[in-house]
Amino acid sequence: MKDFNENLKNISRKLDIKKKVTSYVARHTFASVLAKGGENVLTISEMLGHSDLKTTQIYLKELNHTEKIEASKKLL
């Protein structure tokens, strides 16, 4: 995983991406894009390799919370 994250770091640097990119960020982005596109939570869960649907629901709830915080910042 360390090598994978190092490769992501190098790619993001070459693409001039200012935010930190890790496997964790990539998985959350993947799940978020699917959820925003209306994909079924069960399908997202299977694609992420979660053995328990509750794990995916927590994952997506966290994403939803983050989106709310980012939306709130736009008001300032």
N, C-alpha and C. Protein backbone atom coordinates (compact mmCIF):
# COMPACT_ATOMS: atom_id res chain seq x y z
N MET A 1 0.83 -1.19 0.00
CA MET A 1 0.00 0.00 0.00
C MET A 1 0.88 1.26 0.00
N LYS A 2 2.01 1.16 0.67
CA LYS A 2 2.91 2.32 0.73
C LYS A 2 3.36 2.72 -0.68
N ASP A 3 3.72 1.74 -1.50
CA ASP A 3 4.14 2.03 -2.88
C ASP A 3 3.00 2.64 -3.68
N PHE A 4 1.79 2.11 -3.48
CA PHE A 4 0.62 2.62 -4.19
C PHE A 4 0.40 4.09 -3.85
N ASN A 5 0.45 4.41 -2.55
CA ASN A 5 0.25 5.80 -2.13
C ASN A 5 1.38 6.70 -2.64
N GLU A 6 2.57 6.18 -2.69
CA GLU A 6 3.70 6.96 -3.23
C GLU A 6 3.48 7.24 -4.72
N ASN A 7 2.97 6.25 -5.45
CA ASN A 7 2.66 6.46 -6.87
C ASN A 7 1.56 7.50 -7.05
N LEU A 8 0.53 7.44 -6.20
CA LEU A 8 -0.53 8.45 -6.27
C LEU A 8 0.03 9.84 -6.00
N LYS A 9 0.93 9.93 -5.04
CA LYS A 9 1.56 11.21 -4.71
C LYS A 9 2.33 11.76 -5.92
N ASN A 10 3.08 10.89 -6.59
CA ASN A 10 3.84 11.31 -7.77
C ASN A 10 2.92 11.75 -8.91
N ILE A 11 1.86 11.00 -9.11
CA ILE A 11 0.90 11.36 -10.17
C ILE A 11 0.24 12.70 -9.86
N SER A 12 -0.18 12.88 -8.61
CA SER A 12 -0.84 14.15 -8.26
C SER A 12 0.12 15.32 -8.39
N ARG A 13 1.38 15.10 -8.07
CA ARG A 13 2.38 16.16 -8.23
C ARG A 13 2.53 16.52 -9.72
N LYS A 14 2.60 15.52 -10.59
CA LYS A 14 2.74 15.76 -12.02
C LYS A 14 1.52 16.47 -12.60
N LEU A 15 0.35 16.20 -12.02
CA LEU A 15 -0.88 16.83 -12.49
C LEU A 15 -1.17 18.15 -11.77
N ASP A 16 -0.25 18.55 -10.90
CA ASP A 16 -0.36 19.79 -10.14
C ASP A 16 -1.63 19.83 -9.28
N ILE A 17 -1.94 18.69 -8.69
CA ILE A 17 -3.07 18.60 -7.76
C ILE A 17 -2.56 19.01 -6.40
N LYS A 18 -3.17 20.03 -5.81
CA LYS A 18 -2.70 20.60 -4.56
C LYS A 18 -3.12 19.80 -3.32
N LYS A 19 -4.24 19.08 -3.40
CA LYS A 19 -4.71 18.32 -2.25
C LYS A 19 -3.97 17.00 -2.15
N LYS A 20 -3.88 16.50 -0.92
CA LYS A 20 -3.23 15.21 -0.68
C LYS A 20 -4.08 14.09 -1.27
N VAL A 21 -3.46 13.23 -2.06
CA VAL A 21 -4.15 12.11 -2.69
C VAL A 21 -3.57 10.82 -2.13
N THR A 22 -4.45 9.99 -1.57
CA THR A 22 -4.06 8.70 -1.01
C THR A 22 -5.07 7.65 -1.46
N SER A 23 -4.79 6.40 -1.15
CA SER A 23 -5.74 5.33 -1.48
C SER A 23 -7.06 5.57 -0.75
N TYR A 24 -6.98 6.09 0.45
CA TYR A 24 -8.19 6.40 1.23
C TYR A 24 -9.02 7.45 0.52
N VAL A 25 -8.39 8.50 0.05
CA VAL A 25 -9.08 9.56 -0.68
C VAL A 25 -9.66 9.00 -1.98
N ALA A 26 -8.90 8.17 -2.66
CA ALA A 26 -9.35 7.59 -3.93
C ALA A 26 -10.59 6.72 -3.72
N ARG A 27 -10.59 5.91 -2.67
CA ARG A 27 -11.75 5.05 -2.38
C ARG A 27 -12.98 5.88 -2.05
N HIS A 28 -12.78 6.93 -1.27
CA HIS A 28 -13.91 7.80 -0.91
C HIS A 28 -14.44 8.53 -2.14
N THR A 29 -13.54 8.98 -3.00
CA THR A 29 -13.96 9.65 -4.22
C THR A 29 -14.75 8.69 -5.11
N PHE A 30 -14.24 7.48 -5.24
CA PHE A 30 -14.90 6.43 -6.02
C PHE A 30 -16.32 6.21 -5.51
N ALA A 31 -16.45 6.02 -4.19
CA ALA A 31 -17.77 5.78 -3.58
C ALA A 31 -18.68 6.99 -3.75
N SER A 32 -18.12 8.17 -3.59
CA SER A 32 -18.90 9.40 -3.69
C SER A 32 -19.45 9.60 -5.10
N VAL A 33 -18.62 9.39 -6.09
CA VAL A 33 -19.05 9.56 -7.48
C VAL A 33 -20.16 8.57 -7.81
N LEU A 34 -20.00 7.34 -7.36
CA LEU A 34 -21.05 6.34 -7.61
C LEU A 34 -22.34 6.71 -6.90
N ALA A 35 -22.24 7.12 -5.63
CA ALA A 35 -23.44 7.48 -4.86
C ALA A 35 -24.14 8.69 -5.47
N LYS A 36 -23.38 9.70 -5.86
CA LYS A 36 -23.97 10.89 -6.48
C LYS A 36 -24.63 10.55 -7.81
N GLY A 37 -24.10 9.52 -8.46
CA GLY A 37 -24.67 9.08 -9.73
C GLY A 37 -25.90 8.20 -9.55
N GLY A 38 -26.27 7.96 -8.28
CA GLY A 38 -27.47 7.18 -8.01
C GLY A 38 -27.26 5.68 -7.91
N GLU A 39 -26.00 5.26 -7.82
CA GLU A 39 -25.72 3.83 -7.74
C GLU A 39 -26.23 3.26 -6.42
N ASN A 40 -26.67 2.04 -6.46
CA ASN A 40 -27.20 1.31 -5.32
C ASN A 40 -26.09 1.11 -4.28
N VAL A 41 -26.42 1.31 -2.99
CA VAL A 41 -25.45 1.16 -1.91
C VAL A 41 -24.89 -0.25 -1.86
N LEU A 42 -25.70 -1.24 -2.14
CA LEU A 42 -25.22 -2.63 -2.15
C LEU A 42 -24.14 -2.83 -3.21
N THR A 43 -24.35 -2.26 -4.37
CA THR A 43 -23.37 -2.36 -5.44
C THR A 43 -22.07 -1.67 -5.04
N ILE A 44 -22.18 -0.48 -4.46
CA ILE A 44 -20.99 0.25 -4.01
C ILE A 44 -20.26 -0.58 -2.96
N SER A 45 -21.00 -1.16 -2.04
CA SER A 45 -20.42 -2.00 -0.99
C SER A 45 -19.62 -3.16 -1.58
N GLU A 46 -20.21 -3.82 -2.54
CA GLU A 46 -19.53 -4.95 -3.19
C GLU A 46 -18.29 -4.49 -3.93
N MET A 47 -18.38 -3.34 -4.60
CA MET A 47 -17.23 -2.84 -5.36
C MET A 47 -16.08 -2.42 -4.44
N LEU A 48 -16.40 -1.95 -3.24
CA LEU A 48 -15.37 -1.57 -2.28
C LEU A 48 -14.82 -2.77 -1.52
N GLY A 49 -15.50 -3.90 -1.65
CA GLY A 49 -15.05 -5.11 -0.96
C GLY A 49 -15.45 -5.16 0.49
N HIS A 50 -16.46 -4.39 0.87
CA HIS A 50 -16.94 -4.43 2.24
C HIS A 50 -17.75 -5.70 2.48
N SER A 51 -17.50 -6.36 3.60
CA SER A 51 -18.25 -7.58 3.91
C SER A 51 -19.56 -7.27 4.63
N ASP A 52 -19.68 -6.04 5.13
CA ASP A 52 -20.88 -5.64 5.86
C ASP A 52 -21.42 -4.34 5.26
N LEU A 53 -22.68 -4.34 4.91
CA LEU A 53 -23.31 -3.17 4.30
C LEU A 53 -23.24 -1.95 5.22
N LYS A 54 -23.25 -2.19 6.53
CA LYS A 54 -23.17 -1.09 7.50
C LYS A 54 -21.87 -0.30 7.33
N THR A 55 -20.79 -0.97 6.97
CA THR A 55 -19.51 -0.29 6.73
C THR A 55 -19.66 0.71 5.60
N THR A 56 -20.30 0.31 4.54
CA THR A 56 -20.51 1.20 3.39
C THR A 56 -21.42 2.36 3.76
N GLN A 57 -22.44 2.07 4.53
CA GLN A 57 -23.36 3.14 4.95
C GLN A 57 -22.64 4.18 5.81
N ILE A 58 -21.75 3.74 6.68
CA ILE A 58 -20.95 4.67 7.48
C ILE A 58 -20.04 5.47 6.56
N TYR A 59 -19.43 4.81 5.61
CA TYR A 59 -18.55 5.43 4.62
C TYR A 59 -19.28 6.55 3.89
N LEU A 60 -20.47 6.24 3.39
CA LEU A 60 -21.24 7.22 2.63
C LEU A 60 -21.80 8.32 3.53
N LYS A 61 -22.13 7.99 4.77
CA LYS A 61 -22.60 9.00 5.70
C LYS A 61 -21.49 10.01 5.97
N GLU A 62 -20.27 9.52 6.11
CA GLU A 62 -19.10 10.39 6.31
C GLU A 62 -18.92 11.30 5.11
N LEU A 63 -19.08 10.76 3.93
CA LEU A 63 -18.96 11.58 2.71
C LEU A 63 -20.02 12.66 2.70
N ASN A 64 -21.23 12.29 3.06
CA ASN A 64 -22.34 13.23 3.08
C ASN A 64 -22.04 14.36 4.06
N HIS A 65 -21.48 14.03 5.22
CA HIS A 65 -21.13 15.02 6.22
C HIS A 65 -20.07 15.98 5.66
N THR A 66 -19.07 15.44 5.00
CA THR A 66 -18.01 16.25 4.41
C THR A 66 -18.58 17.20 3.37
N GLU A 67 -19.48 16.72 2.55
CA GLU A 67 -20.11 17.56 1.53
C GLU A 67 -20.87 18.72 2.17
N LYS A 68 -21.53 18.45 3.28
CA LYS A 68 -22.28 19.50 3.97
C LYS A 68 -21.33 20.57 4.51
N ILE A 69 -20.22 20.14 5.04
CA ILE A 69 -19.22 21.10 5.56
C ILE A 69 -18.70 21.96 4.41
N GLU A 70 -18.37 21.33 3.29
CA GLU A 70 -17.85 22.08 2.14
C GLU A 70 -18.90 23.06 1.60
N ALA A 71 -20.14 22.64 1.57
CA ALA A 71 -21.22 23.53 1.11
C ALA A 71 -21.37 24.71 2.06
N SER A 72 -21.25 24.46 3.35
CA SER A 72 -21.36 25.54 4.34
C SER A 72 -20.25 26.58 4.16
N LYS A 73 -19.07 26.12 3.80
CA LYS A 73 -17.94 27.05 3.61
C LYS A 73 -18.22 28.05 2.49
N LYS A 74 -19.03 27.65 1.53
CA LYS A 74 -19.36 28.54 0.40
C LYS A 74 -20.18 29.73 0.85
N LEU A 75 -20.82 29.61 2.01
CA LEU A 75 -21.64 30.70 2.52
C LEU A 75 -20.79 31.80 3.16
N LEU A 76 -19.58 31.48 3.53
CA LEU A 76 -18.72 32.45 4.21
C LEU A 76 -18.05 33.42 3.28
